[in-house]
Amino acid sequence: MQTTRDLQERLKALGYNPGIVDGAMGPNTRKAVREFQADHGLGIDGIPGPRSWAALDRALTRKGAPAGASRPTPPWVDELMRRKGLHEDRDHSTLYAWLRSAGSAVDPARTPWCGDAVETAILRALPDEPIPGNPMASINWLKFGRELKTPAFGAVLVFWRGSPKGWQGHVGFYVGEDATHYHVLGGNQSNAITITKLKKGRLRPGGLRWPSGFPMPTGGRVVADGGRLVETTNEV
C-alpha cells in the first residue's frame, strides 16, 4: 500500500522538499509533487496518481536506488510518530502503558514527561543506547550521545525554559525548522505527543545530540514553512 509517508520519502530521496516526513498531505508535499510532475512531463495537479508513482520509482531506479528507497527515517522518530496525538488525559492508559514499556515511567497526568517520551522512543528503537541519569530532567539530555554542530532529522534538541541558566526545560526530536523556530516532535507538548514550534534562541549550548550507537546523519537541516504548527505554550 502506497502512503503519503512513502511519497514524502521518495520525493526527499530525489532532492525535492515535501517538508516534514509526517504522513500528512500538506502544502509543502503538494508543492513538491507539482515540481516533480513538471520536471517529468506529467500533468501538474499536485495529486500523486498512478503515473506519478510510476515516474517516482523510475527516477529512483535511474538514481541507483531500489524503487521506493530513500534515506531511512531514524527508528526513534518512527517510534514516537506512531504515538503522535496521544494525550495525557484522554489517552492516559495507552500513553502510560507505552511509557512503561521501556522501563520506569512517570504518570503523565501528574509529572512532566517530555524526557520520558524521548527515553522511551530511543530505548524501544535502540535498546542498547546509553541513556543519561535521571532522563526525566531535560537538562540531563545534554549528556546524551554525541553533539552535532548542525541539525539533522531526528536529532535530540535540549531547550531551556524560564531562564537560560535554570535547570527547567524541554527535550524532543528535530523534524524541521523555519526562520525563527525549530519544529519539534515530542511529548508533553500541550499535554500530548505533537509536532510543535520552539524558538531557536531557547536551544541550550551543546543541546543538539545524536545517539552514540547509531550511524551519524548524512542529511542536514530540514526547511519547512510550519503549516498550521503553533508555538508551544505548555511543556509542563
Protein backbone atom coordinates (compact mmCIF):
# COMPACT_ATOMS: atom_id res chain seq x y z
CA MET A 1 0.00 0.00 0.00
CA GLN A 2 1.38 3.40 -1.00
CA THR A 3 1.18 6.03 1.72
CA THR A 4 1.81 9.76 1.95
CA ARG A 5 4.85 8.98 4.08
CA ASP A 6 6.22 6.78 1.24
CA LEU A 7 5.57 9.65 -1.17
CA GLN A 8 7.42 12.15 1.04
CA GLU A 9 10.43 9.86 1.43
CA ARG A 10 10.61 9.23 -2.34
CA LEU A 11 10.47 12.96 -3.05
CA LYS A 12 13.19 13.68 -0.47
CA ALA A 13 15.43 10.98 -1.95
CA LEU A 14 15.12 12.72 -5.32
CA GLY A 15 16.02 16.15 -3.97
CA TYR A 16 12.55 17.65 -3.61
CA ASN A 17 11.31 19.25 -0.40
CA PRO A 18 7.98 17.89 0.87
CA GLY A 19 8.64 19.35 4.32
CA ILE A 20 8.42 17.17 7.40
CA VAL A 21 8.05 13.44 6.72
CA ASP A 22 4.89 13.09 8.78
CA GLY A 23 2.43 11.27 6.54
CA ALA A 24 0.28 14.39 6.10
CA MET A 25 -0.52 15.72 2.63
CA GLY A 26 0.24 19.36 3.40
CA PRO A 27 1.10 22.32 1.15
CA ASN A 28 4.83 21.55 1.03
CA THR A 29 4.18 17.98 -0.10
CA ARG A 30 1.74 19.08 -2.80
CA LYS A 31 4.24 21.72 -3.98
CA ALA A 32 6.97 19.06 -4.21
CA VAL A 33 4.63 16.78 -6.17
CA ARG A 34 3.86 19.58 -8.62
CA GLU A 35 7.56 20.31 -9.07
CA PHE A 36 8.26 16.63 -9.70
CA GLN A 37 5.37 16.42 -12.16
CA ALA A 38 6.63 19.48 -14.03
CA ASP A 39 10.16 18.06 -14.24
CA HIS A 40 8.89 14.74 -15.63
CA GLY A 41 6.32 15.88 -18.17
CA LEU A 42 3.28 14.87 -16.14
CA GLY A 43 0.01 16.67 -15.58
CA ILE A 44 0.70 19.29 -12.91
CA ASP A 45 -2.07 18.92 -10.35
CA GLY A 46 -0.21 18.06 -7.12
CA ILE A 47 -2.09 14.76 -6.93
CA PRO A 48 0.12 11.63 -6.83
CA GLY A 49 -1.76 9.37 -9.21
CA PRO A 50 -0.53 6.10 -10.74
CA ARG A 51 1.56 7.85 -13.42
CA SER A 52 3.30 9.98 -10.79
CA TRP A 53 4.07 6.96 -8.58
CA ALA A 54 5.47 5.06 -11.56
CA ALA A 55 7.62 8.06 -12.53
CA LEU A 56 8.92 8.33 -8.96
CA ASP A 57 10.01 4.71 -8.98
CA ARG A 58 11.67 5.07 -12.40
CA ALA A 59 13.54 8.16 -11.21
CA LEU A 60 14.77 6.35 -8.10
CA THR A 61 15.88 3.37 -10.17
CA ARG A 62 17.86 5.66 -12.50
CA LYS A 63 19.47 7.15 -9.42
CA GLY A 64 20.65 3.69 -8.42
CA ALA A 65 18.21 3.11 -5.57
CA PRO A 66 15.51 0.43 -5.43
CA ALA A 67 12.01 1.70 -6.20
CA GLY A 68 10.63 3.40 -3.12
CA ALA A 69 14.02 3.62 -1.38
CA SER A 70 15.19 6.74 0.42
CA ARG A 71 17.28 7.75 3.39
CA PRO A 72 15.58 5.93 6.26
CA THR A 73 13.79 7.85 8.97
CA PRO A 74 15.60 7.33 12.30
CA PRO A 75 13.79 4.50 14.10
CA TRP A 76 13.23 6.50 17.28
CA VAL A 77 11.37 9.14 15.25
CA ASP A 78 9.18 6.42 13.73
CA GLU A 79 8.54 5.06 17.21
CA LEU A 80 7.30 8.39 18.56
CA MET A 81 5.49 9.41 15.37
CA ARG A 82 3.33 6.29 15.66
CA ARG A 83 2.11 7.65 19.02
CA LYS A 84 1.50 11.18 17.73
CA GLY A 85 -1.72 12.60 19.15
CA LEU A 86 -1.77 10.59 22.38
CA HIS A 87 -2.96 12.90 25.18
CA GLU A 88 -2.08 12.56 28.84
CA ASP A 89 -5.74 12.72 29.94
CA ARG A 90 -7.81 11.47 27.01
CA ASP A 91 -5.43 8.59 26.21
CA HIS A 92 -3.94 8.15 29.66
CA SER A 93 -3.91 4.35 29.85
CA THR A 94 -2.45 3.90 26.34
CA LEU A 95 0.18 6.58 26.85
CA TYR A 96 1.13 5.36 30.32
CA ALA A 97 1.50 1.77 29.06
CA TRP A 98 3.76 2.92 26.23
CA LEU A 99 5.96 4.95 28.61
CA ARG A 100 6.25 1.95 30.93
CA SER A 101 7.21 -0.36 28.05
CA ALA A 102 10.83 0.83 28.10
CA GLY A 103 11.23 0.71 31.88
CA SER A 104 10.15 3.00 34.69
CA ALA A 105 7.79 5.81 33.86
CA VAL A 106 6.24 8.85 35.47
CA ASP A 107 2.48 9.27 35.48
CA PRO A 108 1.99 11.67 32.54
CA ALA A 109 -1.10 13.16 34.16
CA ARG A 110 0.92 14.24 37.20
CA THR A 111 4.54 14.79 36.21
CA PRO A 112 6.27 16.47 33.24
CA TRP A 113 7.09 13.66 30.80
CA CYS A 114 8.96 15.08 27.79
CA GLY A 115 12.18 13.34 28.89
CA ASP A 116 10.30 10.11 29.49
CA ALA A 117 8.87 10.21 25.96
CA VAL A 118 12.32 10.72 24.43
CA GLU A 119 13.81 7.95 26.57
CA THR A 120 11.01 5.51 25.66
CA ALA A 121 11.24 6.22 21.92
CA ILE A 122 15.01 5.80 21.89
CA LEU A 123 15.14 2.64 24.02
CA ARG A 124 12.37 0.93 22.07
CA ALA A 125 14.27 1.68 18.86
CA LEU A 126 17.83 1.31 20.21
CA PRO A 127 17.65 -0.94 23.30
CA ASP A 128 21.42 -0.78 23.96
CA GLU A 129 21.76 3.00 23.68
CA PRO A 130 23.15 4.57 26.89
CA ILE A 131 20.64 6.94 28.48
CA PRO A 132 21.68 9.78 30.80
CA GLY A 133 20.94 9.50 34.51
CA ASN A 134 17.56 10.92 35.52
CA PRO A 135 16.33 11.33 31.92
CA MET A 136 13.09 12.91 33.19
CA ALA A 137 15.06 16.15 33.69
CA SER A 138 15.51 17.58 30.21
CA ILE A 139 18.81 19.27 31.05
CA ASN A 140 20.42 15.85 31.58
CA TRP A 141 20.00 15.10 27.86
CA LEU A 142 22.99 17.39 27.33
CA LYS A 143 25.00 14.29 28.36
CA PHE A 144 23.35 12.06 25.77
CA GLY A 145 25.23 10.54 22.84
CA ARG A 146 27.27 12.83 20.61
CA GLU A 147 26.94 16.54 19.96
CA LEU A 148 26.00 17.70 16.48
CA LYS A 149 27.01 21.07 15.09
CA THR A 150 24.21 21.19 12.50
CA PRO A 151 20.61 19.98 12.93
CA ALA A 152 19.67 16.69 11.27
CA PHE A 153 16.32 14.94 11.09
CA GLY A 154 15.77 13.05 14.33
CA ALA A 155 18.39 14.86 16.43
CA VAL A 156 17.62 15.35 20.12
CA LEU A 157 17.06 19.04 20.93
CA VAL A 158 17.53 20.28 24.51
CA PHE A 159 15.86 23.60 25.41
CA TRP A 160 15.79 25.86 28.44
CA ARG A 161 12.56 27.21 29.89
CA GLY A 162 12.17 30.29 32.05
CA SER A 163 15.87 31.16 32.22
CA PRO A 164 18.84 30.08 30.07
CA LYS A 165 20.76 29.37 33.28
CA GLY A 166 17.99 27.46 35.02
CA TRP A 167 17.51 23.71 35.16
CA GLN A 168 13.98 23.71 33.75
CA GLY A 169 13.50 22.98 30.09
CA HIS A 170 12.21 20.71 27.39
CA VAL A 171 13.53 17.93 25.12
CA GLY A 172 12.29 16.48 21.85
CA PHE A 173 13.29 15.45 18.33
CA TYR A 174 14.19 17.78 15.45
CA VAL A 175 11.92 17.29 12.44
CA GLY A 176 12.37 20.65 10.71
CA GLU A 177 12.73 24.38 11.09
CA ASP A 178 11.69 27.73 9.71
CA ALA A 179 13.48 31.07 10.01
CA THR A 180 12.79 31.53 13.73
CA HIS A 181 11.67 28.20 15.21
CA TYR A 182 12.65 24.56 15.41
CA HIS A 183 9.86 22.09 14.67
CA VAL A 184 9.90 19.55 17.48
CA LEU A 185 8.32 16.11 17.74
CA GLY A 186 7.95 15.44 21.42
CA GLY A 187 5.85 14.57 24.43
CA ASN A 188 4.21 16.85 26.97
CA GLN A 189 3.60 19.46 24.28
CA SER A 190 0.16 20.87 25.13
CA ASN A 191 -0.22 17.66 27.20
CA ALA A 192 0.23 15.36 24.20
CA ILE A 193 2.68 13.91 21.68
CA THR A 194 2.71 16.50 18.93
CA ILE A 195 4.87 18.40 16.49
CA THR A 196 5.16 21.98 17.67
CA LYS A 197 7.45 25.01 17.31
CA LEU A 198 10.03 26.27 19.81
CA LYS A 199 12.11 29.40 19.38
CA LYS A 200 15.63 28.73 18.18
CA GLY A 201 17.04 31.03 20.86
CA ARG A 202 15.88 28.59 23.54
CA LEU A 203 18.24 25.83 22.41
CA ARG A 204 20.85 25.20 25.09
CA PRO A 205 24.56 25.32 24.19
CA GLY A 206 25.51 21.77 23.25
CA GLY A 207 21.82 20.94 23.03
CA LEU A 208 21.91 19.21 19.67
CA ARG A 209 22.53 15.49 20.27
CA TRP A 210 22.73 12.21 18.33
CA PRO A 211 22.73 8.60 19.64
CA SER A 212 26.23 7.19 20.10
CA GLY A 213 25.20 3.75 18.82
CA PHE A 214 23.65 4.86 15.53
CA PRO A 215 25.44 5.98 12.33
CA MET A 216 25.98 9.72 12.11
CA PRO A 217 23.40 11.51 9.95
CA THR A 218 24.16 12.19 6.30
CA GLY A 219 21.46 14.81 5.83
CA GLY A 220 21.26 18.31 7.22
CA ARG A 221 18.64 20.89 8.01
CA VAL A 222 15.01 20.31 7.08
CA VAL A 223 13.44 23.59 5.95
CA ALA A 224 9.66 23.79 6.37
CA ASP A 225 7.08 26.54 6.43
CA GLY A 226 5.40 25.26 9.59
CA GLY A 227 1.94 24.93 8.08
CA ARG A 228 -0.57 25.11 10.91
CA LEU A 229 2.02 24.47 13.63
CA VAL A 230 1.80 26.78 16.62
CA GLU A 231 4.42 27.65 19.20
CA THR A 232 4.12 25.53 22.31
CA THR A 233 2.97 27.29 25.45
CA ASN A 234 2.57 24.19 27.63
CA GLU A 235 5.60 21.99 28.32
CA VAL A 236 4.90 21.33 31.99
